[in-house]
PDB file of all heavy atoms in Angstrom:
ATOM      1  N   LEU A   1      91.576 105.096  88.038  1.00  0.00           N
ATOM      2  CA  LEU A   1      91.350 104.930  89.407  1.00  0.00           C
ATOM      3  C   LEU A   1      91.864 103.576  89.831  1.00  0.00           C
ATOM      4  O   LEU A   1      91.458 102.564  89.356  1.00  0.00           O
ATOM      5  CB  LEU A   1      89.702 104.917  89.631  1.00  0.00           C
ATOM      6  CG  LEU A   1      89.040 106.171  89.128  1.00  0.00           C
ATOM      7  CD1 LEU A   1      87.561 105.945  89.099  1.00  0.00           C
ATOM      8  CD2 LEU A   1      89.385 107.393  89.950  1.00  0.00           C
ATOM      9  N   ILE A   2      92.764 103.595  90.865  1.00  0.00           N
ATOM     10  CA  ILE A   2      93.390 102.388  91.331  1.00  0.00           C
ATOM     11  C   ILE A   2      92.775 102.116  92.738  1.00  0.00           C
ATOM     12  O   ILE A   2      92.999 102.870  93.714  1.00  0.00           O
ATOM     13  CB  ILE A   2      94.867 102.567  91.429  1.00  0.00           C
ATOM     14  CG1 ILE A   2      95.481 102.734  90.005  1.00  0.00           C
ATOM     15  CG2 ILE A   2      95.465 101.282  92.118  1.00  0.00           C
ATOM     16  CD1 ILE A   2      96.934 102.850  89.934  1.00  0.00           C
ATOM     17  N   LEU A   3      91.960 101.069  92.794  1.00  0.00           N
ATOM     18  CA  LEU A   3      91.308 100.775  94.100  1.00  0.00           C
ATOM     19  C   LEU A   3      92.292  99.905  94.861  1.00  0.00           C
ATOM     20  O   LEU A   3      92.597  98.709  94.470  1.00  0.00           O
ATOM     21  CB  LEU A   3      89.956 100.025  93.821  1.00  0.00           C
ATOM     22  CG  LEU A   3      88.766 100.852  93.632  1.00  0.00           C
ATOM     23  CD1 LEU A   3      88.970 101.883  92.522  1.00  0.00           C
ATOM     24  CD2 LEU A   3      87.527 100.110  93.364  1.00  0.00           C
ATOM     25  N   ASP A   4      92.753 100.436  95.955  1.00  0.00           N
ATOM     26  CA  ASP A   4      93.816  99.760  96.688  1.00  0.00           C
ATOM     27  C   ASP A   4      93.362  99.107  97.923  1.00  0.00           C
ATOM     28  O   ASP A   4      92.613  99.680  98.763  1.00  0.00           O
ATOM     29  CB  ASP A   4      94.885 100.816  97.123  1.00  0.00           C
ATOM     30  CG  ASP A   4      96.030 100.241  97.972  1.00  0.00           C
ATOM     31  OD1 ASP A   4      96.601  99.241  97.518  1.00  0.00           O
ATOM     32  OD2 ASP A   4      96.275 100.742  99.085  1.00  0.00           O
ATOM     33  N   VAL A   5      93.654  97.778  98.121  1.00  0.00           N
ATOM     34  CA  VAL A   5      93.265  96.966  99.245  1.00  0.00           C
ATOM     35  C   VAL A   5      94.352  96.071  99.619  1.00  0.00           C
ATOM     36  O   VAL A   5      95.033  95.531  98.733  1.00  0.00           O
ATOM     37  CB  VAL A   5      91.891  96.261  98.953  1.00  0.00           C
ATOM     38  CG1 VAL A   5      92.115  95.227  97.817  1.00  0.00           C
ATOM     39  CG2 VAL A   5      91.310  95.647 100.188  1.00  0.00           C
ATOM     40  N   PRO A   6      94.573  95.805 100.936  1.00  0.00           N
ATOM     41  CA  PRO A   6      95.590  94.805 101.269  1.00  0.00           C
ATOM     42  C   PRO A   6      95.273  93.448 100.669  1.00  0.00           C
ATOM     43  O   PRO A   6      94.083  93.100 100.536  1.00  0.00           O
ATOM     44  CB  PRO A   6      95.433  94.756 102.796  1.00  0.00           C
ATOM     45  CG  PRO A   6      94.988  96.132 103.160  1.00  0.00           C
ATOM     46  CD  PRO A   6      94.070  96.478 102.091  1.00  0.00           C
ATOM     47  N   ALA A   7      96.304  92.663 100.380  1.00  0.00           N
ATOM     48  CA  ALA A   7      96.044  91.423  99.625  1.00  0.00           C
ATOM     49  C   ALA A   7      95.201  90.431 100.425  1.00  0.00           C
ATOM     50  O   ALA A   7      94.358  89.788  99.862  1.00  0.00           O
ATOM     51  CB  ALA A   7      97.406  90.729  99.443  1.00  0.00           C
ATOM     52  N   GLU A   8      95.397  90.415 101.714  1.00  0.00           N
ATOM     53  CA  GLU A   8      94.555  89.377 102.512  1.00  0.00           C
ATOM     54  C   GLU A   8      93.134  89.685 102.482  1.00  0.00           C
ATOM     55  O   GLU A   8      92.215  88.816 102.367  1.00  0.00           O
ATOM     56  CB  GLU A   8      95.037  89.262 103.922  1.00  0.00           C
ATOM     57  CG  GLU A   8      94.905  90.478 104.812  1.00  0.00           C
ATOM     58  CD  GLU A   8      96.120  91.410 104.694  1.00  0.00           C
ATOM     59  OE1 GLU A   8      96.958  91.312 103.722  1.00  0.00           O
ATOM     60  OE2 GLU A   8      96.288  92.263 105.588  1.00  0.00           O
ATOM     61  N   ILE A   9      92.759  90.983 102.479  1.00  0.00           N
ATOM     62  CA  ILE A   9      91.392  91.457 102.432  1.00  0.00           C
ATOM     63  C   ILE A   9      90.796  91.156 101.030  1.00  0.00           C
ATOM     64  O   ILE A   9      89.681  90.626 100.919  1.00  0.00           O
ATOM     65  CB  ILE A   9      91.197  92.939 102.808  1.00  0.00           C
ATOM     66  CG1 ILE A   9      91.619  93.214 104.265  1.00  0.00           C
ATOM     67  CG2 ILE A   9      89.816  93.398 102.547  1.00  0.00           C
ATOM     68  CD1 ILE A   9      91.618  94.617 104.714  1.00  0.00           C
ATOM     69  N   GLY A  10      91.562  91.470  99.999  1.00  0.00           N
ATOM     70  CA  GLY A  10      91.166  91.253  98.628  1.00  0.00           C
ATOM     71  C   GLY A  10      90.797  89.797  98.381  1.00  0.00           C
ATOM     72  O   GLY A  10      89.749  89.451  97.760  1.00  0.00           O
ATOM     73  N   LEU A  11      91.717  88.936  98.874  1.00  0.00           N
ATOM     74  CA  LEU A  11      91.466  87.424  98.674  1.00  0.00           C
ATOM     75  C   LEU A  11      90.243  86.988  99.400  1.00  0.00           C
ATOM     76  O   LEU A  11      89.508  86.162  98.908  1.00  0.00           O
ATOM     77  CB  LEU A  11      92.752  86.744  99.060  1.00  0.00           C
ATOM     78  CG  LEU A  11      93.926  86.748  98.020  1.00  0.00           C
ATOM     79  CD1 LEU A  11      95.118  86.080  98.650  1.00  0.00           C
ATOM     80  CD2 LEU A  11      93.525  86.185  96.661  1.00  0.00           C
ATOM     81  N   GLN A  12      90.022  87.547 100.631  1.00  0.00           N
ATOM     82  CA  GLN A  12      88.834  87.150 101.387  1.00  0.00           C
ATOM     83  C   GLN A  12      87.556  87.518 100.540  1.00  0.00           C
ATOM     84  O   GLN A  12      86.620  86.742 100.459  1.00  0.00           O
ATOM     85  CB  GLN A  12      88.814  87.816 102.727  1.00  0.00           C
ATOM     86  CG  GLN A  12      89.861  87.182 103.671  1.00  0.00           C
ATOM     87  CD  GLN A  12      89.992  88.030 105.007  1.00  0.00           C
ATOM     88  OE1 GLN A  12      89.234  88.951 105.203  1.00  0.00           O
ATOM     89  NE2 GLN A  12      90.930  87.689 105.863  1.00  0.00           N
ATOM     90  N   ARG A  13      87.563  88.706 100.074  1.00  0.00           N
ATOM     91  CA  ARG A  13      86.421  89.100  99.300  1.00  0.00           C
ATOM     92  C   ARG A  13      86.234  88.377  98.013  1.00  0.00           C
ATOM     93  O   ARG A  13      85.109  87.892  97.685  1.00  0.00           O
ATOM     94  CB  ARG A  13      86.564  90.611  98.932  1.00  0.00           C
ATOM     95  CG  ARG A  13      86.524  91.581 100.124  1.00  0.00           C
ATOM     96  CD  ARG A  13      86.766  93.019  99.584  1.00  0.00           C
ATOM     97  NE  ARG A  13      86.750  93.965 100.617  1.00  0.00           N
ATOM     98  CZ  ARG A  13      87.037  95.294 100.467  1.00  0.00           C
ATOM     99  NH1 ARG A  13      87.474  95.669  99.220  1.00  0.00           N
ATOM    100  NH2 ARG A  13      86.975  96.126 101.473  1.00  0.00           N
ATOM    101  N   ALA A  14      87.359  88.104  97.319  1.00  0.00           N
ATOM    102  CA  ALA A  14      87.314  87.395  96.043  1.00  0.00           C
ATOM    103  C   ALA A  14      86.806  85.912  96.240  1.00  0.00           C
ATOM    104  O   ALA A  14      86.198  85.371  95.411  1.00  0.00           O
ATOM    105  CB  ALA A  14      88.564  87.383  95.433  1.00  0.00           C
ATOM    106  N   GLY A  15      87.105  85.365  97.435  1.00  0.00           N
ATOM    107  CA  GLY A  15      86.721  84.012  97.708  1.00  0.00           C
ATOM    108  C   GLY A  15      85.221  83.758  97.806  1.00  0.00           C
ATOM    109  O   GLY A  15      84.737  82.698  97.694  1.00  0.00           O
ATOM    110  N   GLY A  16      84.471  84.960  98.041  1.00  0.00           N
ATOM    111  CA  GLY A  16      83.022  84.836  98.091  1.00  0.00           C
ATOM    112  C   GLY A  16      82.392  84.982  96.862  1.00  0.00           C
ATOM    113  O   GLY A  16      81.115  84.850  96.687  1.00  0.00           O
ATOM    114  N   ARG A  17      83.092  85.230  95.692  1.00  0.00           N
ATOM    115  CA  ARG A  17      82.399  85.334  94.422  1.00  0.00           C
ATOM    116  C   ARG A  17      82.188  83.988  93.794  1.00  0.00           C
ATOM    117  O   ARG A  17      82.856  83.021  94.188  1.00  0.00           O
ATOM    118  CB  ARG A  17      83.403  86.117  93.476  1.00  0.00           C
ATOM    119  CG  ARG A  17      83.625  87.486  93.936  1.00  0.00           C
ATOM    120  CD  ARG A  17      84.361  88.370  92.902  1.00  0.00           C
ATOM    121  NE  ARG A  17      85.677  87.731  92.553  1.00  0.00           N
ATOM    122  CZ  ARG A  17      86.753  88.480  92.053  1.00  0.00           C
ATOM    123  NH1 ARG A  17      86.613  89.768  91.968  1.00  0.00           N
ATOM    124  NH2 ARG A  17      87.790  87.798  91.747  1.00  0.00           N
ATOM    125  N   ARG A  18      81.217  83.891  92.901  1.00  0.00           N
ATOM    126  CA  ARG A  18      80.816  82.628  92.350  1.00  0.00           C
ATOM    127  C   ARG A  18      80.937  82.661  90.802  1.00  0.00           C
ATOM    128  O   ARG A  18      80.317  81.842  90.094  1.00  0.00           O
ATOM    129  CB  ARG A  18      79.371  82.391  92.694  1.00  0.00           C
ATOM    130  CG  ARG A  18      79.101  82.191  94.214  1.00  0.00           C
ATOM    131  CD  ARG A  18      77.642  81.930  94.569  1.00  0.00           C
ATOM    132  NE  ARG A  18      77.482  81.826  96.005  1.00  0.00           N
ATOM    133  CZ  ARG A  18      76.331  81.567  96.556  1.00  0.00           C
ATOM    134  NH1 ARG A  18      75.233  81.438  95.845  1.00  0.00           N
ATOM    135  NH2 ARG A  18      76.128  81.482  97.883  1.00  0.00           N
ATOM    136  N   THR A  19      81.866  83.445  90.283  1.00  0.00           N
ATOM    137  CA  THR A  19      82.006  83.532  88.774  1.00  0.00           C
ATOM    138  C   THR A  19      82.803  82.316  88.312  1.00  0.00           C
ATOM    139  O   THR A  19      82.706  81.986  87.177  1.00  0.00           O
ATOM    140  CB  THR A  19      82.746  84.825  88.413  1.00  0.00           C
ATOM    141  OG1 THR A  19      84.037  84.800  89.008  1.00  0.00           O
ATOM    142  CG2 THR A  19      81.967  85.957  88.899  1.00  0.00           C
ATOM    143  N   GLY A  20      83.631  81.676  89.147  1.00  0.00           N
ATOM    144  CA  GLY A  20      84.541  80.628  88.734  1.00  0.00           C
ATOM    145  C   GLY A  20      85.773  81.078  88.080  1.00  0.00           C
ATOM    146  O   GLY A  20      86.676  80.265  87.857  1.00  0.00           O
ATOM    147  N   GLU A  21      85.908  82.425  87.798  1.00  0.00           N
ATOM    148  CA  GLU A  21      87.081  82.931  87.146  1.00  0.00           C
ATOM    149  C   GLU A  21      88.113  83.252  88.259  1.00  0.00           C
ATOM    150  O   GLU A  21      88.437  84.456  88.557  1.00  0.00           O
ATOM    151  CB  GLU A  21      86.705  84.164  86.266  1.00  0.00           C
ATOM    152  CG  GLU A  21      85.800  83.811  85.149  1.00  0.00           C
ATOM    153  CD  GLU A  21      85.353  85.126  84.391  1.00  0.00           C
ATOM    154  OE1 GLU A  21      85.445  86.214  84.889  1.00  0.00           O
ATOM    155  OE2 GLU A  21      84.959  84.865  83.244  1.00  0.00           O
ATOM    156  N   SER A  22      88.729  82.250  88.804  1.00  0.00           N
ATOM    157  CA  SER A  22      89.574  82.455  90.033  1.00  0.00           C
ATOM    158  C   SER A  22      90.975  82.051  89.743  1.00  0.00           C
ATOM    159  O   SER A  22      91.819  81.897  90.752  1.00  0.00           O
ATOM    160  CB  SER A  22      89.008  81.630  91.125  1.00  0.00           C
ATOM    161  OG  SER A  22      89.086  80.198  90.733  1.00  0.00           O
ATOM    162  N   ARG A  23      91.463  82.019  88.553  1.00  0.00           N
ATOM    163  CA  ARG A  23      92.823  81.524  88.331  1.00  0.00           C
ATOM    164  C   ARG A  23      93.916  82.365  88.994  1.00  0.00           C
ATOM    165  O   ARG A  23      94.845  81.975  89.502  1.00  0.00           O
ATOM    166  CB  ARG A  23      93.076  81.468  86.742  1.00  0.00           C
ATOM    167  CG  ARG A  23      94.412  80.896  86.381  1.00  0.00           C
ATOM    168  CD  ARG A  23      94.558  80.622  84.881  1.00  0.00           C
ATOM    169  NE  ARG A  23      96.026  80.500  84.681  1.00  0.00           N
ATOM    170  CZ  ARG A  23      96.747  81.476  84.256  1.00  0.00           C
ATOM    171  NH1 ARG A  23      96.291  82.676  83.939  1.00  0.00           N
ATOM    172  NH2 ARG A  23      98.094  81.260  84.091  1.00  0.00           N
ATOM    173  N   PHE A  24      93.696  83.768  88.869  1.00  0.00           N
ATOM    174  CA  PHE A  24      94.741  84.641  89.461  1.00  0.00           C
ATOM    175  C   PHE A  24      94.679  84.626  91.019  1.00  0.00           C
ATOM    176  O   PHE A  24      95.638  84.740  91.583  1.00  0.00           O
ATOM    177  CB  PHE A  24      94.628  85.967  88.801  1.00  0.00           C
ATOM    178  CG  PHE A  24      95.115  86.112  87.428  1.00  0.00           C
ATOM    179  CD1 PHE A  24      94.249  85.978  86.333  1.00  0.00           C
ATOM    180  CD2 PHE A  24      96.526  86.162  87.111  1.00  0.00           C
ATOM    181  CE1 PHE A  24      94.758  86.078  85.028  1.00  0.00           C
ATOM    182  CE2 PHE A  24      96.976  86.279  85.831  1.00  0.00           C
ATOM    183  CZ  PHE A  24      96.117  86.130  84.747  1.00  0.00           C
ATOM    184  N   GLU A  25      93.471  84.556  91.470  1.00  0.00           N
ATOM    185  CA  GLU A  25      93.348  84.455  92.915  1.00  0.00           C
ATOM    186  C   GLU A  25      94.094  83.144  93.510  1.00  0.00           C
ATOM    187  O   GLU A  25      94.702  83.161  94.556  1.00  0.00           O
ATOM    188  CB  GLU A  25      91.913  84.352  93.439  1.00  0.00           C
ATOM    189  CG  GLU A  25      91.170  85.690  93.230  1.00  0.00           C
ATOM    190  CD  GLU A  25      90.334  85.663  91.934  1.00  0.00           C
ATOM    191  OE1 GLU A  25      90.926  85.279  90.899  1.00  0.00           O
ATOM    192  OE2 GLU A  25      89.245  86.201  91.913  1.00  0.00           O
ATOM    193  N   GLN A  26      94.106  82.081  92.632  1.00  0.00           N
ATOM    194  CA  GLN A  26      94.746  80.880  93.116  1.00  0.00           C
ATOM    195  C   GLN A  26      96.307  81.018  93.212  1.00  0.00           C
ATOM    196  O   GLN A  26      96.951  80.107  93.699  1.00  0.00           O
ATOM    197  CB  GLN A  26      94.378  79.729  92.167  1.00  0.00           C
ATOM    198  CG  GLN A  26      92.940  79.300  92.184  1.00  0.00           C
ATOM    199  CD  GLN A  26      92.640  78.272  91.139  1.00  0.00           C
ATOM    200  OE1 GLN A  26      93.383  77.245  91.044  1.00  0.00           O
ATOM    201  NE2 GLN A  26      91.643  78.475  90.345  1.00  0.00           N
ATOM    202  N   LYS A  27      96.813  82.016  92.654  1.00  0.00           N
ATOM    203  CA  LYS A  27      98.225  82.270  92.746  1.00  0.00           C
ATOM    204  C   LYS A  27      98.743  82.705  94.081  1.00  0.00           C
ATOM    205  O   LYS A  27      99.934  82.657  94.398  1.00  0.00           O
ATOM    206  CB  LYS A  27      98.712  83.258  91.654  1.00  0.00           C
ATOM    207  CG  LYS A  27      98.437  82.840  90.234  1.00  0.00           C
ATOM    208  CD  LYS A  27      99.216  83.711  89.222  1.00  0.00           C
ATOM    209  CE  LYS A  27      99.031  83.154  87.849  1.00  0.00           C
ATOM    210  NZ  LYS A  27      99.864  83.835  86.888  1.00  0.00           N
ATOM    211  N   GLY A  28      97.824  82.987  94.996  1.00  0.00           N
ATOM    212  CA  GLY A  28      98.133  83.202  96.394  1.00  0.00           C
ATOM    213  C   GLY A  28      98.369  84.630  96.870  1.00  0.00           C
ATOM    214  O   GLY A  28      98.448  85.519  96.074  1.00  0.00           O
ATOM    215  N   GLU A  29      98.519  84.680  98.179  1.00  0.00           N
ATOM    216  CA  GLU A  29      98.649  86.100  98.781  1.00  0.00           C
ATOM    217  C   GLU A  29      99.904  86.786  98.403  1.00  0.00           C
ATOM    218  O   GLU A  29      99.901  88.020  98.184  1.00  0.00           O
ATOM    219  CB  GLU A  29      98.564  85.882 100.290  1.00  0.00           C
ATOM    220  CG  GLU A  29      98.443  87.251 101.019  1.00  0.00           C
ATOM    221  CD  GLU A  29      98.241  87.154 102.458  1.00  0.00           C
ATOM    222  OE1 GLU A  29      97.433  86.172 102.882  1.00  0.00           O
ATOM    223  OE2 GLU A  29      98.759  87.921 103.292  1.00  0.00           O
ATOM    224  N   ALA A  30     101.034  86.091  98.316  1.00  0.00           N
ATOM    225  CA  ALA A  30     102.289  86.777  97.943  1.00  0.00           C
ATOM    226  C   ALA A  30     102.199  87.388  96.571  1.00  0.00           C
ATOM    227  O   ALA A  30     102.722  88.505  96.385  1.00  0.00           O
ATOM    228  CB  ALA A  30     103.447  85.808  98.042  1.00  0.00           C
ATOM    229  N   TYR A  31     101.594  86.640  95.653  1.00  0.00           N
ATOM    230  CA  TYR A  31     101.406  87.201  94.302  1.00  0.00           C
ATOM    231  C   TYR A  31     100.511  88.417  94.284  1.00  0.00           C
ATOM    232  O   TYR A  31     100.741  89.410  93.687  1.00  0.00           O
ATOM    233  CB  TYR A  31     100.847  86.083  93.386  1.00  0.00           C
ATOM    234  CG  TYR A  31     100.615  86.511  91.989  1.00  0.00           C
ATOM    235  CD1 TYR A  31     101.676  86.665  91.009  1.00  0.00           C
ATOM    236  CD2 TYR A  31      99.315  86.869  91.553  1.00  0.00           C
ATOM    237  CE1 TYR A  31     101.448  87.003  89.800  1.00  0.00           C
ATOM    238  CE2 TYR A  31      99.129  87.266  90.245  1.00  0.00           C
ATOM    239  CZ  TYR A  31     100.099  87.389  89.345  1.00  0.00           C
ATOM    240  OH  TYR A  31      99.924  87.764  88.055  1.00  0.00           O
ATOM    241  N   GLN A  32      99.384  88.282  95.020  1.00  0.00           N
ATOM    242  CA  GLN A  32      98.395  89.408  95.088  1.00  0.00           C
ATOM    243  C   GLN A  32      99.051  90.603  95.722  1.00  0.00           C
ATOM    244  O   GLN A  32      98.744  91.753  95.386  1.00  0.00           O
ATOM    245  CB  GLN A  32      97.230  88.935  95.847  1.00  0.00           C
ATOM    246  CG  GLN A  32      96.268  87.979  95.092  1.00  0.00           C
ATOM    247  CD  GLN A  32      95.642  88.553  93.896  1.00  0.00           C
ATOM    248  OE1 GLN A  32      95.293  89.698  93.855  1.00  0.00           O
ATOM    249  NE2 GLN A  32      95.486  87.749  92.854  1.00  0.00           N
ATOM    250  N   GLN A  33      99.942  90.427  96.750  1.00  0.00           N
ATOM    251  CA  GLN A  33     100.569  91.526  97.358  1.00  0.00           C
ATOM    252  C   GLN A  33     101.573  92.258  96.413  1.00  0.00           C
ATOM    253  O   GLN A  33     101.716  93.457  96.332  1.00  0.00           O
ATOM    254  CB  GLN A  33     101.447  91.048  98.592  1.00  0.00           C
ATOM    255  CG  GLN A  33     102.063  92.257  99.312  1.00  0.00           C
ATOM    256  CD  GLN A  33     101.044  93.276  99.840  1.00  0.00           C
ATOM    257  OE1 GLN A  33     100.089  92.956 100.439  1.00  0.00           O
ATOM    258  NE2 GLN A  33     101.389  94.554  99.561  1.00  0.00           N
ATOM    259  N   ALA A  34     102.229  91.360  95.560  1.00  0.00           N
ATOM    260  CA  ALA A  34     103.085  91.911  94.537  1.00  0.00           C
ATOM    261  C   ALA A  34     102.321  92.761  93.497  1.00  0.00           C
ATOM    262  O   ALA A  34     102.792  93.779  92.996  1.00  0.00           O
ATOM    263  CB  ALA A  34     103.911  90.795  93.827  1.00  0.00           C
ATOM    264  N   VAL A  35     101.160  92.278  93.159  1.00  0.00           N
ATOM    265  CA  VAL A  35     100.201  92.989  92.236  1.00  0.00           C
ATOM    266  C   VAL A  35      99.788  94.317  92.861  1.00  0.00           C
ATOM    267  O   VAL A  35      99.905  95.347  92.265  1.00  0.00           O
ATOM    268  CB  VAL A  35      98.942  92.175  91.967  1.00  0.00           C
ATOM    269  CG1 VAL A  35      97.922  93.004  91.278  1.00  0.00           C
ATOM    270  CG2 VAL A  35      99.337  90.977  91.048  1.00  0.00           C
ATOM    271  N   ARG A  36      99.460  94.313  94.173  1.00  0.00           N
ATOM    272  CA  ARG A  36      99.118  95.526  94.819  1.00  0.00           C
ATOM    273  C   ARG A  36     100.313  96.588  94.816  1.00  0.00           C
ATOM    274  O   ARG A  36     100.124  97.724  94.512  1.00  0.00           O
ATOM    275  CB  ARG A  36      98.749  95.305  96.235  1.00  0.00           C
ATOM    276  CG  ARG A  36      98.347  96.530  97.077  1.00  0.00           C
ATOM    277  CD  ARG A  36      98.313  96.336  98.561  1.00  0.00           C
ATOM    278  NE  ARG A  36      97.784  97.520  99.236  1.00  0.00           N
ATOM    279  CZ  ARG A  36      97.936  97.709 100.496  1.00  0.00           C
ATOM    280  NH1 ARG A  36      98.496  96.775 101.278  1.00  0.00           N
ATOM    281  NH2 ARG A  36      97.420  98.818 101.045  1.00  0.00           N
ATOM    282  N   ASP A  37     101.446  96.013  95.090  1.00  0.00           N
ATOM    283  CA  ASP A  37     102.721  96.949  95.204  1.00  0.00           C
ATOM    284  C   ASP A  37     102.934  97.489  93.757  1.00  0.00           C
ATOM    285  O   ASP A  37     103.358  98.639  93.583  1.00  0.00           O
ATOM    286  CB  ASP A  37     103.852  96.123  95.616  1.00  0.00           C
ATOM    287  CG  ASP A  37     103.839  95.745  97.112  1.00  0.00           C
ATOM    288  OD1 ASP A  37     102.991  96.386  97.799  1.00  0.00           O
ATOM    289  OD2 ASP A  37     104.512  94.860  97.474  1.00  0.00           O
ATOM    290  N   ALA A  38     102.627  96.683  92.764  1.00  0.00           N
ATOM    291  CA  ALA A  38     102.914  97.138  91.351  1.00  0.00           C
ATOM    292  C   ALA A  38     101.905  98.283  90.980  1.00  0.00           C
ATOM    293  O   ALA A  38     102.342  99.285  90.383  1.00  0.00           O
ATOM    294  CB  ALA A  38     102.786  95.906  90.358  1.00  0.00           C
ATOM    295  N   PHE A  39     100.708  98.066  91.374  1.00  0.00           N
ATOM    296  CA  PHE A  39      99.717  99.151  91.101  1.00  0.00           C
ATOM    297  C   PHE A  39     100.119 100.486  91.759  1.00  0.00           C
ATOM    298  O   PHE A  39      99.989 101.632  91.171  1.00  0.00           O
ATOM    299  CB  PHE A  39      98.306  98.795  91.467  1.00  0.00           C
ATOM    300  CG  PHE A  39      97.534  97.953  90.440  1.00  0.00           C
ATOM    301  CD1 PHE A  39      97.059  96.689  90.791  1.00  0.00           C
ATOM    302  CD2 PHE A  39      97.346  98.439  89.184  1.00  0.00           C
ATOM    303  CE1 PHE A  39      96.405  95.900  89.828  1.00  0.00           C
ATOM    304  CE2 PHE A  39      96.735  97.716  88.243  1.00  0.00           C
ATOM    305  CZ  PHE A  39      96.235  96.440  88.565  1.00  0.00           C
ATOM    306  N   LEU A  40     100.574 100.392  93.011  1.00  0.00           N
ATOM    307  CA  LEU A  40     100.987 101.633  93.702  1.00  0.00           C
ATOM    308  C   LEU A  40     102.243 102.253  93.063  1.00  0.00           C
ATOM    309  O   LEU A  40     102.290 103.460  92.983  1.00  0.00           O
ATOM    310  CB  LEU A  40     101.293 101.250  95.210  1.00  0.00           C
ATOM    311  CG  LEU A  40     100.059 100.872  95.991  1.00  0.00           C
ATOM    312  CD1 LEU A  40     100.467 100.331  97.403  1.00  0.00           C
ATOM    313  CD2 LEU A  40      99.080 101.969  96.037  1.00  0.00           C
TER     314      LEU A  40
END
């Protein structure tokens, strides 16, 4: 199951988490968009 969400929305949601495991989110929106495109 591939849960698909635009990069900007995903980063907004991820920013509200408190796990501290944010290394990949810190790579930025362009990287997250590339990840989304890759999953599709």
